[in-house]
Amino acid sequence: MEKRKIKINNWELEVWVARTMGEKQRGVSVFDRLGENEGMLFEFKIPMRYGFWMKGVKFPIDIVWLRKEKIVGITEDVSPGSGFSLLSLKAYYPPLPIDAALELASGAAAEMGLGVGDRLERK
């Protein structure tokens, strides 16, 4: 997975970029935790209301929903998933179609003061 620097408000983050289906399905479940200035950015070619689940994730996260580099919603403190099948896991959806989502450690969105309308800058 590629790593990239991004900036939101005055916060600079280092993110892993999930582009392939396999990378998106594994998501942050490959990590034991996310650091203070780390995250995972999911990129989509076609804007849709993609569902996210927490299969195998070991820690709570915030999901920042993006459309055209702008925050369109934030789902905070999403708890790790439990269950043996995808059908038994809760799915989280953005408020409108998105072309990217950013997963951060739980509480990071509030700490950074993120809000709807804030813009993401790619470095």
C-alpha atoms as a PDB file:
ATOM      1  CA  MET A   1       0.000   0.000   0.000  1.00  0.00           C
ATOM      2  CA  GLU A   2       1.246   3.478  -0.869  1.00  0.00           C
ATOM      3  CA  LYS A   3       1.771   6.093   1.852  1.00  0.00           C
ATOM      4  CA  ARG A   4       1.005   9.746   1.228  1.00  0.00           C
ATOM      5  CA  LYS A   5       0.914  13.005   3.172  1.00  0.00           C
ATOM      6  CA  ILE A   6      -2.304  14.977   3.364  1.00  0.00           C
ATOM      7  CA  LYS A   7      -3.389  18.086   5.205  1.00  0.00           C
ATOM      8  CA  ILE A   8      -6.745  18.976   6.743  1.00  0.00           C
ATOM      9  CA  ASN A   9      -7.085  22.352   8.439  1.00  0.00           C
ATOM     10  CA  ASN A  10      -3.606  22.821   9.924  1.00  0.00           C
ATOM     11  CA  TRP A  11      -3.033  19.109  10.571  1.00  0.00           C
ATOM     12  CA  GLU A  12      -0.582  17.154   8.449  1.00  0.00           C
ATOM     13  CA  LEU A  13      -1.208  13.404   8.359  1.00  0.00           C
ATOM     14  CA  GLU A  14       0.549  10.414   6.888  1.00  0.00           C
ATOM     15  CA  VAL A  15      -1.979   8.018   5.370  1.00  0.00           C
ATOM     16  CA  TRP A  16      -1.959   4.651   3.690  1.00  0.00           C
ATOM     17  CA  VAL A  17      -3.956   4.769   0.457  1.00  0.00           C
ATOM     18  CA  ALA A  18      -6.372   1.879  -0.162  1.00  0.00           C
ATOM     19  CA  ARG A  19      -7.157   1.583  -3.878  1.00  0.00           C
ATOM     20  CA  THR A  20      -7.599  -2.112  -4.679  1.00  0.00           C
ATOM     21  CA  MET A  21     -10.578  -4.160  -3.536  1.00  0.00           C
ATOM     22  CA  GLY A  22      -8.320  -6.260  -1.287  1.00  0.00           C
ATOM     23  CA  GLU A  23      -6.772  -3.195   0.357  1.00  0.00           C
ATOM     24  CA  LYS A  24     -10.225  -1.717   0.938  1.00  0.00           C
ATOM     25  CA  GLN A  25     -11.605  -4.939   2.421  1.00  0.00           C
ATOM     26  CA  ARG A  26      -8.657  -5.296   4.833  1.00  0.00           C
ATOM     27  CA  GLY A  27      -8.604  -1.600   5.687  1.00  0.00           C
ATOM     28  CA  VAL A  28      -7.140  -0.769   9.084  1.00  0.00           C
ATOM     29  CA  SER A  29      -7.631  -4.357  10.319  1.00  0.00           C
ATOM     30  CA  VAL A  30      -3.961  -4.932   9.379  1.00  0.00           C
ATOM     31  CA  PHE A  31      -2.875  -2.550  12.191  1.00  0.00           C
ATOM     32  CA  ASP A  32      -2.930  -2.890  15.982  1.00  0.00           C
ATOM     33  CA  ARG A  33      -3.594   0.856  16.224  1.00  0.00           C
ATOM     34  CA  LEU A  34      -3.313   4.118  14.300  1.00  0.00           C
ATOM     35  CA  GLY A  35      -0.876   6.753  15.531  1.00  0.00           C
ATOM     36  CA  GLU A  36      -1.787  10.334  16.324  1.00  0.00           C
ATOM     37  CA  ASN A  37      -1.045  11.635  12.809  1.00  0.00           C
ATOM     38  CA  GLU A  38      -1.854   8.486  10.825  1.00  0.00           C
ATOM     39  CA  GLY A  39      -4.842   7.269   8.892  1.00  0.00           C
ATOM     40  CA  MET A  40      -6.063   5.308   5.916  1.00  0.00           C
ATOM     41  CA  LEU A  41      -7.548   6.975   2.845  1.00  0.00           C
ATOM     42  CA  PHE A  42      -9.968   4.942   0.727  1.00  0.00           C
ATOM     43  CA  GLU A  43     -10.312   6.175  -2.863  1.00  0.00           C
ATOM     44  CA  PHE A  44     -13.224   5.387  -5.193  1.00  0.00           C
ATOM     45  CA  LYS A  45     -13.535   6.138  -8.910  1.00  0.00           C
ATOM     46  CA  ILE A  46     -17.333   6.410  -8.894  1.00  0.00           C
ATOM     47  CA  PRO A  47     -19.100   8.448  -6.171  1.00  0.00           C
ATOM     48  CA  MET A  48     -21.575   6.243  -4.251  1.00  0.00           C
ATOM     49  CA  ARG A  49     -22.807   5.628  -0.697  1.00  0.00           C
ATOM     50  CA  TYR A  50     -20.251   2.900   0.066  1.00  0.00           C
ATOM     51  CA  GLY A  51     -20.779   0.842   3.220  1.00  0.00           C
ATOM     52  CA  PHE A  52     -17.924   0.304   5.678  1.00  0.00           C
ATOM     53  CA  TRP A  53     -17.705  -2.487   8.244  1.00  0.00           C
ATOM     54  CA  MET A  54     -15.214  -3.160  11.025  1.00  0.00           C
ATOM     55  CA  LYS A  55     -14.340  -6.817  10.419  1.00  0.00           C
ATOM     56  CA  GLY A  56     -11.120  -7.676  12.232  1.00  0.00           C
ATOM     57  CA  VAL A  57     -10.452  -4.100  13.368  1.00  0.00           C
ATOM     58  CA  LYS A  58      -8.897  -4.033  16.836  1.00  0.00           C
ATOM     59  CA  PHE A  59      -9.633  -0.423  17.874  1.00  0.00           C
ATOM     60  CA  PRO A  60     -12.353   2.243  17.468  1.00  0.00           C
ATOM     61  CA  ILE A  61     -12.041   4.780  14.642  1.00  0.00           C
ATOM     62  CA  ASP A  62     -13.544   7.945  13.195  1.00  0.00           C
ATOM     63  CA  ILE A  63     -14.659   7.846   9.551  1.00  0.00           C
ATOM     64  CA  VAL A  64     -14.428  11.116   7.616  1.00  0.00           C
ATOM     65  CA  TRP A  65     -16.566  11.018   4.446  1.00  0.00           C
ATOM     66  CA  LEU A  66     -15.225  13.040   1.482  1.00  0.00           C
ATOM     67  CA  ARG A  67     -16.507  14.236  -1.880  1.00  0.00           C
ATOM     68  CA  LYS A  68     -14.244  16.237  -4.200  1.00  0.00           C
ATOM     69  CA  GLU A  69     -11.710  16.748  -1.368  1.00  0.00           C
ATOM     70  CA  LYS A  70     -14.390  18.240   0.925  1.00  0.00           C
ATOM     71  CA  ILE A  71     -15.752  16.711   4.146  1.00  0.00           C
ATOM     72  CA  VAL A  72     -19.443  15.842   3.710  1.00  0.00           C
ATOM     73  CA  GLY A  73     -19.869  13.957   7.001  1.00  0.00           C
ATOM     74  CA  ILE A  74     -18.098  12.406   9.973  1.00  0.00           C
ATOM     75  CA  THR A  75     -18.991   9.218  11.862  1.00  0.00           C
ATOM     76  CA  GLU A  76     -17.169   9.255  15.195  1.00  0.00           C
ATOM     77  CA  ASP A  77     -16.076   6.493  17.562  1.00  0.00           C
ATOM     78  CA  VAL A  78     -17.024   3.496  15.414  1.00  0.00           C
ATOM     79  CA  SER A  79     -16.476   0.389  17.557  1.00  0.00           C
ATOM     80  CA  PRO A  80     -14.589  -2.685  16.353  1.00  0.00           C
ATOM     81  CA  GLY A  81     -16.743  -5.268  14.602  1.00  0.00           C
ATOM     82  CA  SER A  82     -17.593  -8.663  15.937  1.00  0.00           C
ATOM     83  CA  GLY A  83     -19.179 -11.565  14.138  1.00  0.00           C
ATOM     84  CA  PHE A  84     -18.059 -14.298  11.850  1.00  0.00           C
ATOM     85  CA  SER A  85     -19.768 -13.239   8.641  1.00  0.00           C
ATOM     86  CA  LEU A  86     -20.163  -9.933   6.843  1.00  0.00           C
ATOM     87  CA  LEU A  87     -23.936 -10.278   7.195  1.00  0.00           C
ATOM     88  CA  SER A  88     -23.626 -10.127  10.998  1.00  0.00           C
ATOM     89  CA  LEU A  89     -21.538  -6.915  10.991  1.00  0.00           C
ATOM     90  CA  LYS A  90     -22.994  -3.427  11.225  1.00  0.00           C
ATOM     91  CA  ALA A  91     -22.303  -1.300   8.136  1.00  0.00           C
ATOM     92  CA  TYR A  92     -21.673   2.452   8.298  1.00  0.00           C
ATOM     93  CA  TYR A  93     -22.713   4.688   5.396  1.00  0.00           C
ATOM     94  CA  PRO A  94     -21.923   8.284   4.421  1.00  0.00           C
ATOM     95  CA  PRO A  95     -24.728  10.859   4.357  1.00  0.00           C
ATOM     96  CA  LEU A  96     -24.324  11.259   0.560  1.00  0.00           C
ATOM     97  CA  PRO A  97     -22.294   9.734  -2.271  1.00  0.00           C
ATOM     98  CA  ILE A  98     -18.540   9.947  -1.639  1.00  0.00           C
ATOM     99  CA  ASP A  99     -15.377   9.457  -3.674  1.00  0.00           C
ATOM    100  CA  ALA A 100     -13.089   8.998  -0.642  1.00  0.00           C
ATOM    101  CA  ALA A 101     -13.164   8.170   3.058  1.00  0.00           C
ATOM    102  CA  LEU A 102     -10.525   8.770   5.695  1.00  0.00           C
ATOM    103  CA  GLU A 103     -10.240   6.496   8.727  1.00  0.00           C
ATOM    104  CA  LEU A 104      -8.552   7.984  11.798  1.00  0.00           C
ATOM    105  CA  ALA A 105      -8.046   6.863  15.382  1.00  0.00           C
ATOM    106  CA  SER A 106     -11.169   7.463  17.467  1.00  0.00           C
ATOM    107  CA  GLY A 107     -11.295  11.026  18.767  1.00  0.00           C
ATOM    108  CA  ALA A 108      -8.927  12.398  16.120  1.00  0.00           C
ATOM    109  CA  ALA A 109     -11.678  14.153  14.136  1.00  0.00           C
ATOM    110  CA  ALA A 110     -12.787  16.104  17.222  1.00  0.00           C
ATOM    111  CA  GLU A 111      -9.197  16.798  18.301  1.00  0.00           C
ATOM    112  CA  MET A 112      -8.452  18.253  14.849  1.00  0.00           C
ATOM    113  CA  GLY A 113     -11.695  20.241  14.902  1.00  0.00           C
ATOM    114  CA  LEU A 114     -12.865  18.678  11.626  1.00  0.00           C
ATOM    115  CA  GLY A 115     -16.260  19.663  10.304  1.00  0.00           C
ATOM    116  CA  VAL A 116     -18.452  19.459   7.231  1.00  0.00           C
ATOM    117  CA  GLY A 117     -17.058  21.732   4.536  1.00  0.00           C
ATOM    118  CA  ASP A 118     -13.404  21.415   5.589  1.00  0.00           C
ATOM    119  CA  ARG A 119     -11.064  20.566   2.725  1.00  0.00           C
ATOM    120  CA  LEU A 120      -8.425  17.877   2.362  1.00  0.00           C
ATOM    121  CA  GLU A 121      -5.186  18.816   0.612  1.00  0.00           C
ATOM    122  CA  ARG A 122      -3.032  16.109  -0.965  1.00  0.00           C
ATOM    123  CA  LYS A 123       0.723  16.629  -0.734  1.00  0.00           C
END
